[in-house]
Amino acid sequence: MGLAPDTLTFDTGDPVRVATFWAAALGYDLVDPDPEGAYIADPSGQTRGIFFQPVPEPKKVKNRVHLDLRPTGTMREEVFRLAALGATSVGYVEKQASAVDGQSTFWTVMQDVEGNEFCVLRGPGDGWTPDEL
């Protein structure tokens, strides 16, 4: 017996607003946008998509789990694109070579339209290659 991730779900005060942001951010398709729950589908079929469900309480603290997103170009380009969609930049992080992979790296911490944190990592245009961990 074992487990496998099935669906990524966001708790949100406004499922349609947050789903619309993430559909545009990820290039997913907004399916059945409804205040009672919204879904975005991965057009590549590589993932099961993301579900957004309404909850009555507002977000109060930093996420303990978040998305790390790898751009196809540069981090800077994606940060500007996501800001135009309504995300806000929280900070820039630069790490020297780590014990995990021996590489120095950097990323931008952002928040979506409802304050959920996520990170935009460096991309190929920033010197990252897929063989790096």
Protein backbone atom coordinates (compact mmCIF):
# COMPACT_ATOMS: atom_id res chain seq x y z
CA MET A 1 0.00 0.00 0.00
CA GLY A 2 1.17 3.54 -0.66
CA LEU A 3 0.13 7.06 -1.50
CA ALA A 4 0.51 9.27 -4.54
CA PRO A 5 -0.36 12.96 -4.82
CA ASP A 6 -3.63 13.42 -6.66
CA THR A 7 -4.82 17.00 -6.60
CA LEU A 8 -3.25 20.26 -5.51
CA THR A 9 -5.93 22.31 -3.75
CA PHE A 10 -5.91 25.93 -2.63
CA ASP A 11 -8.20 27.12 0.16
CA THR A 12 -9.36 30.59 -0.83
CA GLY A 13 -11.86 33.32 -0.10
CA ASP A 14 -12.42 33.89 -3.84
CA PRO A 15 -11.91 30.72 -5.92
CA VAL A 16 -12.57 32.38 -9.28
CA ARG A 17 -10.14 35.26 -8.69
CA VAL A 18 -7.31 33.04 -7.47
CA ALA A 19 -7.93 30.37 -10.15
CA THR A 20 -7.92 33.06 -12.85
CA PHE A 21 -4.52 34.31 -11.63
CA TRP A 22 -2.98 30.82 -11.52
CA ALA A 23 -4.45 29.83 -14.91
CA ALA A 24 -2.76 32.86 -16.48
CA ALA A 25 0.46 32.35 -14.49
CA LEU A 26 0.85 28.68 -15.44
CA GLY A 27 -0.76 28.70 -18.89
CA TYR A 28 -3.51 26.35 -17.67
CA ASP A 29 -7.15 26.36 -18.79
CA LEU A 30 -9.78 27.82 -16.45
CA VAL A 31 -12.57 25.21 -16.31
CA ASP A 32 -15.99 25.82 -14.77
CA PRO A 33 -15.13 28.96 -12.77
CA ASP A 34 -17.62 29.05 -9.92
CA PRO A 35 -17.63 30.77 -6.51
CA GLU A 36 -18.25 27.32 -4.99
CA GLY A 37 -15.05 25.95 -6.47
CA ALA A 38 -12.90 26.54 -9.52
CA TYR A 39 -10.57 24.23 -11.41
CA ILE A 40 -7.68 24.88 -13.78
CA ALA A 41 -6.58 22.11 -16.13
CA ASP A 42 -3.02 21.43 -17.30
CA PRO A 43 -3.24 21.50 -21.11
CA SER A 44 -0.21 19.20 -21.36
CA GLY A 45 -1.93 16.53 -19.26
CA GLN A 46 1.23 16.11 -17.15
CA THR A 47 -0.61 17.04 -13.95
CA ARG A 48 -4.18 16.69 -12.73
CA GLY A 49 -4.53 20.46 -12.51
CA ILE A 50 -5.35 22.59 -9.49
CA PHE A 51 -8.60 23.00 -7.56
CA PHE A 52 -9.60 26.15 -5.66
CA GLN A 53 -12.15 25.72 -2.91
CA PRO A 54 -13.87 28.41 -0.85
CA VAL A 55 -13.19 28.70 2.86
CA PRO A 56 -14.66 31.28 5.24
CA GLU A 57 -11.49 32.26 7.09
CA PRO A 58 -8.85 34.58 5.59
CA LYS A 59 -5.20 33.65 5.19
CA LYS A 60 -3.35 34.76 8.32
CA VAL A 61 0.22 33.45 8.30
CA LYS A 62 3.00 32.39 5.94
CA ASN A 63 2.37 29.21 3.96
CA ARG A 64 4.18 26.14 5.27
CA VAL A 65 3.98 24.55 1.81
CA HIS A 66 4.48 26.54 -1.37
CA LEU A 67 5.18 26.20 -5.09
CA ASP A 68 8.68 26.63 -6.51
CA LEU A 69 8.27 27.61 -10.16
CA ARG A 70 11.05 27.25 -12.75
CA PRO A 71 10.78 29.73 -15.65
CA THR A 72 11.61 28.75 -19.22
CA GLY A 73 13.50 32.04 -19.69
CA THR A 74 14.71 34.24 -16.86
CA MET A 75 13.49 34.81 -13.33
CA ARG A 76 13.32 38.56 -13.94
CA GLU A 77 11.03 38.17 -16.98
CA GLU A 78 8.66 35.94 -15.03
CA VAL A 79 8.63 38.19 -11.97
CA PHE A 80 7.56 41.13 -14.17
CA ARG A 81 4.94 39.01 -15.99
CA LEU A 82 3.48 37.70 -12.73
CA ALA A 83 3.42 41.20 -11.23
CA ALA A 84 1.39 42.35 -14.25
CA LEU A 85 -1.10 39.55 -13.42
CA GLY A 86 -1.47 40.85 -9.86
CA ALA A 87 1.28 39.07 -7.89
CA THR A 88 3.48 41.02 -5.52
CA SER A 89 7.18 40.56 -4.90
CA VAL A 90 8.05 39.85 -1.27
CA GLY A 91 11.82 39.51 -1.54
CA TYR A 92 14.88 38.28 -3.33
CA VAL A 93 16.94 35.45 -1.85
CA GLU A 94 20.51 34.60 -2.76
CA LYS A 95 22.20 31.49 -1.35
CA GLN A 96 25.84 30.56 -1.60
CA ALA A 97 26.79 26.95 -2.40
CA SER A 98 24.66 24.69 -0.25
CA ALA A 99 25.21 21.28 1.28
CA VAL A 100 22.21 20.04 -0.75
CA ASP A 101 23.67 20.44 -4.22
CA GLY A 102 26.90 22.42 -3.91
CA GLN A 103 25.52 25.19 -6.14
CA SER A 104 24.87 28.83 -5.37
CA THR A 105 21.42 29.98 -6.42
CA PHE A 106 18.81 32.72 -6.15
CA TRP A 107 15.05 33.15 -6.35
CA THR A 108 12.26 35.67 -5.85
CA VAL A 109 9.57 35.14 -3.23
CA MET A 110 6.16 36.37 -4.41
CA GLN A 111 2.54 36.32 -3.30
CA ASP A 112 -0.46 35.62 -5.52
CA VAL A 113 -3.59 37.80 -5.57
CA GLU A 114 -4.72 36.42 -2.20
CA GLY A 115 -1.34 36.42 -0.45
CA ASN A 116 -0.27 32.80 -1.01
CA GLU A 117 3.52 32.66 -1.20
CA PHE A 118 5.42 31.04 -4.05
CA CYS A 119 8.95 31.24 -5.41
CA VAL A 120 10.19 32.01 -8.90
CA LEU A 121 13.51 30.22 -9.34
CA ARG A 122 16.31 31.09 -11.72
CA GLY A 123 15.82 29.86 -15.26
CA PRO A 124 18.01 28.85 -18.21
CA GLY A 125 18.48 32.52 -19.08
CA ASP A 126 20.02 32.97 -15.62
CA GLY A 127 22.52 30.13 -16.06
CA TRP A 128 20.44 27.25 -14.65
CA THR A 129 20.65 23.92 -16.48
CA PRO A 130 18.30 20.94 -16.07
CA ASP A 131 21.12 18.68 -14.81
CA GLU A 132 21.37 20.81 -11.65
CA LEU A 133 19.37 19.64 -8.65
